[in-house]
Protein backbone atom coordinates (compact mmCIF):
# COMPACT_ATOMS: atom_id res chain seq x y z
CA MET A 1 -21.71 -8.66 2.51
CA MET A 2 -18.74 -9.55 4.99
CA SER A 3 -17.56 -12.85 4.97
CA GLU A 4 -18.40 -14.94 8.37
CA VAL A 5 -15.41 -17.21 8.12
CA LEU A 6 -13.76 -16.57 11.58
CA TRP A 7 -10.24 -17.12 12.44
CA ASN A 8 -9.31 -17.63 16.13
CA ALA A 9 -6.52 -15.45 16.65
CA PRO A 10 -3.59 -17.43 18.68
CA VAL A 11 -2.61 -16.10 21.99
CA ALA A 12 1.06 -16.17 22.62
CA ASP A 13 1.84 -18.48 25.45
CA GLN A 14 5.63 -17.34 25.57
CA PRO A 15 7.78 -14.42 24.21
CA VAL A 16 8.28 -14.52 20.38
CA ASP A 17 11.78 -15.17 19.36
CA ALA A 18 12.07 -15.28 15.42
CA LEU A 19 13.84 -14.10 12.23
CA VAL A 20 11.13 -13.19 9.68
CA ARG A 21 11.45 -12.81 5.92
CA VAL A 22 8.82 -10.65 4.29
CA PRO A 23 8.18 -10.92 0.44
CA GLY A 24 8.51 -7.94 -1.97
CA SER A 25 7.03 -4.49 -1.40
CA LYS A 26 3.60 -4.29 -2.87
CA SER A 27 4.03 -0.80 -3.74
CA LEU A 28 7.38 -0.98 -5.41
CA THR A 29 6.27 -4.15 -7.25
CA ALA A 30 3.04 -2.09 -8.61
CA ARG A 31 5.23 0.52 -9.49
CA TRP A 32 8.10 -1.44 -11.38
CA MET A 33 5.34 -3.58 -13.19
CA LEU A 34 3.67 -0.59 -14.65
CA LEU A 35 6.95 1.14 -15.52
CA ALA A 36 8.26 -2.04 -17.10
CA ALA A 37 5.02 -2.24 -19.29
CA ALA A 38 5.41 1.40 -20.35
CA ALA A 39 9.27 1.09 -21.13
CA ASP A 40 10.86 0.88 -24.61
CA GLU A 41 12.38 -2.58 -24.05
CA PRO A 42 11.91 -5.85 -21.96
CA SER A 43 12.57 -5.59 -18.22
CA VAL A 44 13.46 -7.96 -15.44
CA LEU A 45 11.99 -7.61 -11.79
CA ARG A 46 13.41 -9.79 -9.16
CA GLY A 47 11.78 -10.47 -5.87
CA ALA A 48 8.46 -9.06 -6.98
CA LEU A 49 5.48 -9.87 -4.74
CA VAL A 50 3.05 -12.34 -5.63
CA SER A 51 -0.34 -11.38 -4.14
CA ARG A 52 -3.85 -10.72 -5.00
CA ASP A 53 -3.16 -6.99 -5.85
CA THR A 54 -0.19 -7.86 -7.97
CA ARG A 55 -2.13 -10.54 -10.09
CA LEU A 56 -4.70 -8.01 -10.61
CA MET A 57 -1.87 -5.53 -11.83
CA ARG A 58 -0.45 -8.08 -14.03
CA ASP A 59 -4.02 -8.95 -15.43
CA ALA A 60 -4.63 -5.38 -16.07
CA LEU A 61 -1.27 -5.00 -17.98
CA GLU A 62 -1.69 -8.05 -19.80
CA ARG A 63 -5.27 -7.00 -21.10
CA LEU A 64 -3.57 -3.70 -22.32
CA GLY A 65 -0.84 -5.90 -24.15
CA ALA A 66 2.18 -6.57 -22.15
CA VAL A 67 3.56 -9.94 -21.66
CA PHE A 68 4.66 -11.26 -18.34
CA GLU A 69 6.82 -14.47 -17.93
CA VAL A 70 8.24 -15.80 -14.69
CA VAL A 71 11.78 -17.43 -15.42
CA ASP A 72 13.80 -18.86 -12.47
CA GLY A 73 11.83 -16.88 -10.01
CA SER A 74 12.11 -13.58 -11.89
CA MET A 75 9.46 -11.59 -13.66
CA HIS A 76 10.21 -10.73 -17.40
CA VAL A 77 8.22 -8.02 -18.83
CA THR A 78 7.68 -7.26 -22.41
CA PRO A 79 6.19 -3.83 -22.74
CA LEU A 80 2.91 -2.76 -24.40
CA PRO A 81 2.75 -2.62 -28.20
CA PRO A 82 2.62 0.73 -29.97
CA PRO A 83 -1.12 1.82 -30.24
CA GLY A 84 -2.79 0.60 -33.34
CA GLU A 85 -3.82 2.73 -36.14
CA HIS A 86 -7.55 1.80 -35.56
CA PRO A 87 -9.22 1.33 -32.30
CA ALA A 88 -8.92 -1.94 -30.75
CA GLU A 89 -11.79 -4.02 -29.41
CA PRO A 90 -12.96 -2.85 -26.12
CA ILE A 91 -11.29 -4.28 -22.87
CA GLU A 92 -12.36 -4.62 -19.35
CA ILE A 93 -10.27 -4.45 -16.48
CA HIS A 94 -11.42 -5.58 -12.86
CA THR A 95 -9.33 -3.82 -10.31
CA GLY A 96 -10.47 -5.70 -7.10
CA LEU A 97 -9.65 -3.64 -4.22
CA ALA A 98 -6.13 -2.64 -5.38
CA GLY A 99 -5.87 1.13 -5.24
CA THR A 100 -2.62 0.84 -7.37
CA VAL A 101 -4.42 -0.74 -10.15
CA MET A 102 -7.56 1.44 -9.94
CA ARG A 103 -5.63 4.75 -9.87
CA PHE A 104 -2.49 3.86 -11.87
CA VAL A 105 -3.39 1.88 -14.84
CA PRO A 106 -5.95 4.15 -16.33
CA ILE A 107 -3.46 6.63 -17.24
CA LEU A 108 -1.60 4.08 -18.99
CA ALA A 109 -4.78 2.91 -20.69
CA ALA A 110 -4.78 6.39 -22.50
CA LEU A 111 -1.74 5.06 -24.65
CA HIS A 112 -3.91 2.25 -25.61
CA HIS A 113 -5.92 2.94 -28.67
CA GLY A 114 -9.59 1.82 -27.66
CA ASP A 115 -11.99 1.76 -24.83
CA VAL A 116 -10.96 0.43 -21.65
CA ARG A 117 -13.59 -0.16 -18.91
CA PHE A 118 -12.52 -0.14 -15.27
CA THR A 119 -14.71 -1.79 -12.53
CA GLY A 120 -13.91 -3.52 -9.19
CA ASP A 121 -15.00 -5.32 -6.00
CA ASP A 122 -18.19 -3.71 -4.55
CA ALA A 123 -16.11 -1.86 -1.99
CA ALA A 124 -13.87 -0.55 -4.66
CA LEU A 125 -16.96 1.41 -6.17
CA ALA A 126 -16.97 3.56 -3.09
CA ARG A 127 -13.42 4.65 -3.28
CA PRO A 128 -12.69 8.19 -4.66
CA MET A 129 -11.58 8.35 -8.46
CA ASP A 130 -12.31 11.88 -9.13
CA ALA A 131 -8.80 12.95 -9.14
CA VAL A 132 -8.01 10.16 -11.64
CA VAL A 133 -10.76 11.29 -13.94
CA GLN A 134 -9.67 15.22 -13.82
CA VAL A 135 -6.09 14.24 -14.66
CA LEU A 136 -7.26 12.19 -17.55
CA ARG A 137 -9.21 15.05 -18.98
CA GLN A 138 -6.62 17.59 -18.39
CA GLN A 139 -4.51 15.37 -20.50
CA GLY A 140 -7.06 15.45 -23.30
CA VAL A 141 -8.41 12.06 -22.51
CA GLU A 142 -12.12 11.41 -22.74
CA VAL A 143 -13.69 9.43 -19.72
CA THR A 144 -17.00 8.22 -19.35
CA GLU A 145 -18.49 7.67 -15.76
CA HIS A 146 -21.14 4.91 -15.51
CA GLY A 147 -22.21 5.64 -12.21
CA GLU A 148 -21.72 8.01 -9.44
CA PRO A 149 -19.37 10.96 -10.63
CA GLY A 150 -15.91 10.24 -9.30
CA ARG A 151 -16.18 6.71 -8.74
CA LEU A 152 -15.87 3.36 -10.54
CA PRO A 153 -17.02 2.01 -12.94
CA LEU A 154 -15.82 4.31 -15.74
CA THR A 155 -14.39 3.97 -19.32
CA VAL A 156 -11.02 5.50 -20.73
CA HIS A 157 -11.52 6.18 -24.55
CA GLY A 158 -7.88 5.82 -25.19
CA THR A 159 -6.31 7.45 -28.35
CA GLY A 160 -2.69 6.33 -27.84
CA ARG A 161 -1.58 9.55 -26.49
CA LEU A 162 -1.21 11.88 -23.45
CA ARG A 163 -0.98 15.43 -23.98
CA GLY A 164 1.38 16.44 -21.04
CA GLY A 165 1.73 20.00 -20.23
CA ARG A 166 0.55 21.75 -16.92
CA ILE A 167 -2.07 20.10 -14.81
CA GLU A 168 -3.71 20.42 -11.32
CA VAL A 169 -4.75 17.90 -9.06
CA ASP A 170 -6.28 17.69 -5.64
CA ALA A 171 -4.52 14.70 -3.91
CA SER A 172 -5.86 15.38 -0.40
CA ALA A 173 -7.69 12.11 -0.35
CA SER A 174 -4.50 10.09 -1.50
CA SER A 175 -0.98 10.27 -2.73
CA GLN A 176 -1.61 7.95 -5.51
CA PHE A 177 -3.42 10.73 -7.39
CA VAL A 178 -0.10 12.32 -7.64
CA SER A 179 1.86 8.95 -8.54
CA ASN A 180 -0.49 8.11 -11.16
CA ALA A 181 0.07 11.04 -13.12
CA LEU A 182 3.77 10.91 -12.79
CA LEU A 183 4.34 7.11 -13.58
CA VAL A 184 3.94 7.17 -17.30
CA ALA A 185 4.13 11.00 -17.85
CA ALA A 186 7.57 10.56 -19.85
CA ARG A 187 5.26 8.94 -22.66
CA GLY A 188 3.42 12.23 -22.92
CA GLU A 189 3.85 14.62 -26.14
CA GLN A 190 5.12 17.38 -23.64
CA ASP A 191 6.90 17.62 -20.38
CA LEU A 192 4.55 17.34 -17.54
CA GLU A 193 3.93 19.89 -14.63
CA LEU A 194 1.84 18.60 -11.88
CA VAL A 195 0.74 21.08 -9.38
CA HIS A 196 -0.94 20.00 -6.02
CA VAL A 197 -4.19 22.48 -5.43
CA GLY A 198 -5.29 20.44 -2.22
CA GLU A 199 -5.42 21.41 1.53
CA VAL A 200 -3.24 18.54 2.56
CA LEU A 201 -0.95 16.13 1.13
CA PRO A 202 -0.70 12.70 2.70
CA SER A 203 2.03 9.87 2.34
CA LEU A 204 4.61 11.91 0.76
CA PRO A 205 7.16 8.96 0.96
CA HIS A 206 5.01 7.09 -1.44
CA ILE A 207 5.34 9.88 -4.11
CA GLU A 208 9.28 10.15 -3.22
CA MET A 209 9.18 6.21 -3.99
CA THR A 210 7.31 7.16 -7.27
CA LEU A 211 10.04 9.74 -8.03
CA GLU A 212 12.91 7.24 -7.48
CA THR A 213 11.76 4.37 -9.40
CA LEU A 214 11.10 6.84 -12.42
CA ARG A 215 14.84 8.19 -12.03
CA GLN A 216 16.20 4.50 -11.90
CA ALA A 217 14.17 3.93 -15.08
CA GLY A 218 16.10 7.21 -16.70
CA VAL A 219 13.41 9.45 -16.52
CA GLU A 220 14.03 13.03 -15.37
CA ALA A 221 11.60 13.62 -12.46
CA SER A 222 11.71 16.41 -9.78
CA HIS A 223 9.68 17.84 -6.85
CA GLN A 224 9.48 21.43 -6.06
CA VAL A 225 7.58 23.35 -2.93
CA ASP A 226 7.18 26.98 -3.52
CA PRO A 227 7.64 29.87 -0.84
CA GLN A 228 3.76 29.47 -0.06
CA GLY A 229 4.22 25.56 0.58
CA ARG A 230 2.59 24.54 -2.75
CA HIS A 231 3.91 21.15 -4.13
CA SER A 232 4.56 20.67 -7.91
CA TRP A 233 6.29 18.11 -9.76
CA SER A 234 8.25 18.06 -13.24
CA VAL A 235 8.70 14.84 -15.42
CA THR A 236 10.56 15.39 -18.75
CA HIS A 237 8.97 13.51 -21.58
CA GLY A 238 11.34 10.95 -23.27
CA ALA A 239 12.13 7.31 -23.17
CA ILE A 240 11.39 5.06 -20.07
CA ARG A 241 14.54 2.75 -19.85
CA PRO A 242 14.07 -1.05 -19.27
CA VAL A 243 15.46 -2.09 -15.94
CA GLU A 244 16.80 -4.90 -14.03
CA VAL A 245 15.73 -4.52 -10.50
CA THR A 246 15.52 -6.51 -7.17
CA ILE A 247 12.46 -5.23 -5.09
CA GLU A 248 12.79 -4.55 -1.40
CA PRO A 249 10.85 -6.45 1.09
CA ASP A 250 7.53 -5.03 2.11
CA LEU A 251 8.48 -2.84 5.10
CA SER A 252 4.67 -2.13 6.12
CA ASN A 253 4.00 -6.03 5.96
CA ALA A 254 6.79 -6.41 8.40
CA GLY A 255 4.81 -4.20 11.03
CA PRO A 256 2.58 -6.83 12.59
CA PHE A 257 5.61 -9.07 13.09
CA LEU A 258 7.63 -6.43 14.86
CA ALA A 259 4.44 -5.34 16.92
CA ALA A 260 4.21 -9.06 18.36
CA ALA A 261 7.72 -8.26 19.95
CA LEU A 262 6.21 -5.71 21.99
CA VAL A 263 2.92 -7.53 22.72
CA THR A 264 4.98 -10.61 23.92
CA GLY A 265 8.03 -9.09 25.33
CA GLY A 266 10.06 -11.03 22.89
CA THR A 267 12.43 -10.22 19.81
CA ILE A 268 11.64 -10.25 16.08
CA ALA A 269 14.33 -9.67 13.32
CA VAL A 270 13.15 -8.80 9.94
CA ASP A 271 15.98 -9.86 7.28
CA ASP A 272 17.11 -7.88 4.25
CA TRP A 273 16.09 -4.54 5.76
CA PRO A 274 17.27 -1.90 3.26
CA GLU A 275 19.91 0.67 4.61
CA THR A 276 18.07 3.58 2.67
CA THR A 277 14.53 3.34 1.42
CA THR A 278 11.50 5.38 0.46
CA GLN A 279 8.96 2.95 2.01
CA PRO A 280 6.93 4.40 4.80
CA GLY A 281 7.21 1.20 6.83
CA ASP A 282 10.86 2.22 7.73
CA SER A 283 9.35 4.65 10.04
CA TYR A 284 8.39 1.54 12.34
CA ARG A 285 11.91 1.93 13.64
CA GLU A 286 11.29 5.19 15.34
CA LEU A 287 7.65 4.76 16.10
CA LEU A 288 8.31 1.32 18.11
CA SER A 289 11.14 2.80 19.98
CA ARG A 290 8.78 5.67 21.05
CA ILE A 291 5.99 3.30 22.09
CA GLY A 292 8.53 1.22 24.30
CA GLY A 293 10.38 -1.04 22.09
CA GLU A 294 14.01 -1.54 21.76
CA VAL A 295 15.13 -1.18 18.26
CA TRP A 296 18.30 -1.76 16.51
CA ARG A 297 20.22 -3.04 13.31
CA GLU A 298 22.38 -6.07 13.17
CA ASP A 299 23.88 -6.81 9.83
CA ASP A 300 21.12 -6.85 7.34
CA SER A 301 18.25 -7.18 9.83
CA VAL A 302 16.20 -4.96 11.84
CA CYS A 303 15.57 -6.05 15.41
CA VAL A 304 12.88 -5.12 17.85
CA ARG A 305 12.79 -6.32 21.49
CA GLY A 306 9.72 -6.00 23.73
CA THR A 307 10.51 -4.41 27.25
CA GLY A 308 7.54 -5.60 28.82
CA ARG A 309 5.82 -2.07 28.55
CA ILE A 310 3.95 -0.22 25.90
CA ARG A 311 3.75 3.54 26.38
CA GLY A 312 0.84 5.68 24.78
CA ILE A 313 2.13 7.79 22.00
CA GLU A 314 1.18 11.37 20.28
CA ALA A 315 2.06 11.06 16.57
CA ASP A 316 1.40 12.92 13.35
CA MET A 317 0.83 9.81 11.06
CA SER A 318 0.18 11.99 7.89
CA ALA A 319 3.26 10.65 6.01
CA VAL A 320 3.01 7.00 7.19
CA GLY A 321 -0.97 6.40 7.09
CA GLU A 322 -0.61 2.70 6.31
CA LEU A 323 1.10 1.95 9.60
CA VAL A 324 -1.92 3.27 11.64
CA PRO A 325 -3.73 0.11 11.95
CA THR A 326 -0.60 -1.74 13.30
CA MET A 327 0.13 1.21 15.86
CA SER A 328 -3.51 1.51 16.82
CA ALA A 329 -3.41 -2.23 17.82
CA LEU A 330 -0.38 -1.57 19.96
CA CYS A 331 -1.89 1.64 21.58
CA ALA A 332 -5.07 -0.50 22.69
CA LEU A 333 -2.65 -2.55 24.70
CA ALA A 334 -0.55 0.16 25.94
CA GLU A 335 -0.56 1.70 29.67
CA THR A 336 -1.65 5.21 28.76
CA PRO A 337 -4.01 6.91 26.14
CA SER A 338 -2.57 7.66 22.62
CA ARG A 339 -3.42 10.15 19.93
CA LEU A 340 -2.71 9.60 16.17
CA THR A 341 -3.55 12.34 13.82
CA GLY A 342 -2.91 13.55 10.20
CA VAL A 343 -4.56 10.74 8.44
CA ALA A 344 -8.08 11.84 7.41
CA HIS A 345 -7.27 10.26 3.88
CA LEU A 346 -7.36 6.86 5.57
CA ARG A 347 -11.44 7.13 5.23
CA GLY A 348 -10.70 6.37 1.41
CA HIS A 349 -8.70 3.19 1.73
CA GLU A 350 -10.19 -0.29 1.30
CA THR A 351 -12.66 0.90 4.07
CA ASP A 352 -12.96 3.81 6.34
CA ARG A 353 -10.24 2.64 8.57
CA LEU A 354 -10.51 5.20 11.24
CA LYS A 355 -14.32 4.55 11.68
CA ALA A 356 -13.33 0.75 11.55
CA LEU A 357 -10.54 1.00 13.85
CA ALA A 358 -12.71 3.11 16.52
CA THR A 359 -15.63 0.67 16.19
CA GLU A 360 -13.52 -2.57 16.62
CA LEU A 361 -11.19 -1.27 19.28
CA SER A 362 -14.01 -0.02 21.42
CA LYS A 363 -15.78 -3.18 21.08
CA LEU A 364 -12.89 -4.88 22.61
CA GLY A 365 -12.78 -2.46 25.69
CA ALA A 366 -10.38 0.17 24.56
CA ARG A 367 -12.44 3.27 24.38
CA THR A 368 -11.60 4.84 20.75
CA VAL A 369 -12.71 8.29 19.72
CA GLU A 370 -12.79 8.88 16.13
CA LEU A 371 -11.17 12.50 15.43
CA GLU A 372 -11.73 14.23 12.09
CA ASP A 373 -8.20 13.14 11.05
CA GLY A 374 -7.21 10.46 13.37
CA LEU A 375 -7.90 8.49 16.48
CA GLU A 376 -7.84 8.94 20.05
CA ILE A 377 -7.14 5.53 22.03
CA HIS A 378 -7.80 5.03 25.60
CA PRO A 379 -6.78 1.59 26.80
CA GLY A 380 -8.98 -0.55 29.12
CA PRO A 381 -9.54 -4.28 30.05
CA LEU A 382 -9.78 -5.88 26.81
CA SER A 383 -12.09 -8.95 26.08
CA GLY A 384 -12.45 -11.38 23.22
CA THR A 385 -15.13 -10.48 20.63
CA VAL A 386 -15.63 -11.02 16.84
CA PHE A 387 -13.33 -8.51 15.15
CA GLU A 388 -14.44 -7.33 11.82
CA SER A 389 -11.93 -6.99 8.95
CA TYR A 390 -14.05 -5.02 6.36
CA GLU A 391 -12.39 -6.80 3.72
CA ASP A 392 -9.24 -4.77 4.47
CA HIS A 393 -5.99 -6.67 5.04
CA ARG A 394 -4.70 -4.09 7.63
CA MET A 395 -7.69 -4.31 9.65
CA ALA A 396 -7.03 -8.24 9.77
CA THR A 397 -3.52 -8.00 10.92
CA ALA A 398 -4.54 -5.61 13.56
CA GLY A 399 -7.01 -8.05 14.84
CA ALA A 400 -4.00 -10.57 14.94
CA ILE A 401 -1.80 -8.30 16.74
CA ILE A 402 -4.37 -7.80 19.71
CA GLY A 403 -5.28 -11.52 19.58
CA LEU A 404 -1.56 -12.44 20.88
CA ARG A 405 -2.68 -11.17 24.34
CA VAL A 406 -6.50 -11.12 24.40
CA PRO A 407 -8.10 -14.54 24.33
CA ASP A 408 -11.08 -15.63 22.22
CA LEU A 409 -10.61 -12.94 19.53
CA ARG A 410 -12.13 -14.23 16.14
CA VAL A 411 -11.12 -12.30 12.88
CA VAL A 412 -13.59 -12.12 10.12
CA ASP A 413 -12.06 -13.22 6.92
CA ILE A 414 -8.23 -13.50 8.03
CA GLY A 415 -7.98 -14.41 4.04
CA THR A 416 -8.32 -10.79 3.09
CA THR A 417 -4.45 -10.54 3.98
CA GLN A 418 -3.74 -12.20 0.75
CA LYS A 419 -4.05 -8.74 -0.76
CA THR A 420 -0.46 -8.12 0.04
CA LEU A 421 0.78 -11.00 2.28
CA PRO A 422 -0.15 -14.39 0.52
CA ASP A 423 0.83 -16.44 3.72
CA PHE A 424 0.05 -14.43 6.55
CA VAL A 425 -1.54 -16.91 8.52
CA GLY A 426 1.45 -19.43 7.85
CA MET A 427 4.08 -16.67 8.64
CA TRP A 428 2.14 -15.81 11.88
CA LEU A 429 1.90 -19.45 13.11
CA SER A 430 5.70 -20.09 12.51
CA MET A 431 6.60 -16.96 14.35
CA LEU A 432 4.56 -18.38 17.36
CA HIS A 433 5.83 -21.91 17.01
CA PRO A 434 9.10 -21.99 15.33
CA GLU A 435 10.51 -25.25 14.05
CA PRO A 436 13.07 -26.44 16.56
CA ALA A 437 16.73 -26.29 15.80
CA VAL A 438 18.10 -29.74 14.79
CA ASP A 439 21.69 -30.32 15.72
CA ASP A 440 24.12 -31.86 13.43
CA ALA A 441 25.37 -35.31 14.03
């Protein structure tokens, strides 16, 4: 049942003008935590995100035997011990709603000698896990499904080994079904060849992110596309090198703040934006420019200025699906209709995001048509209402964006933003009401 705690989204009474610093990338933090736990020697992670998702990842890895310590703000990771000769006592891991925990950690659990049971929040039990189960079984790992096939809860019967070799996966529902197989593949007994057999492959930047982190950890990993357009990946078995890395800020979490510039006709700068990155959030620079913003780099920051107009947009969002809630909020406030497509996989996220967005935007007054693979958004006069978050952090921030312009918009359970952005409300209020500058005496 959804929480009935309502947050009155503040209306902007003037254009925003703020410098925003967002914490580390959730996607990169999860990948580096897992790789550090699977490495040969201890690693140091700087700038790691601390949020509900990453706390769940840390707890999962600690239950498997890794050790995490925070020293002077940096995360020091001692990797998993070698598997014992005899099976260890059974372990239970709670994944919450974290896709990275529920999809990435079961493969690592195969390298543990003993039974590891995975469960999660009620909403997590509806998220697809069949591709994870199939990858494990193709690697020679026994899996017991305790409820509906292809869903949590399930138990991985780890023997301390992964076979490697050639496996096939249908990752049409999530790129995480490719990344999970790649991340610890170097620990397999043979090189891994992973072939995608699905009709669509969403969120390719997230897979490239996985390959890049592997390469930085000394793992040979590559991506191939054959003449028929079929994707495959290769990972050479061998050592996973310990690392000392600084994790980039989360560019997807920067999106709502950049959107605020367009909604209010103000200016937002996001600090420490990387020059090059595999994060899908980097696409905000192009998308926000197309929808009516002025976008530029200034030193280490990316800046967005609202021009007073928001235009409708047609965009294939298949590579950047996690940006759809923020872009949909802007489309609801635009002057002309929009069409966002290529994101059927969003139905398997924290909630069915397409259905949720169509429902909530229409309720506000922006008639939104749910397509098979996206949304068609027709702006109209908007009025305040209760905006459900569906326990989905990006739904909650979409409500906050619209609330900048629409009075009396109340978001259900704004606290769900703690999944990836622990102090969203504080940052949002600071953006709207910055501390006045103090002149030196």
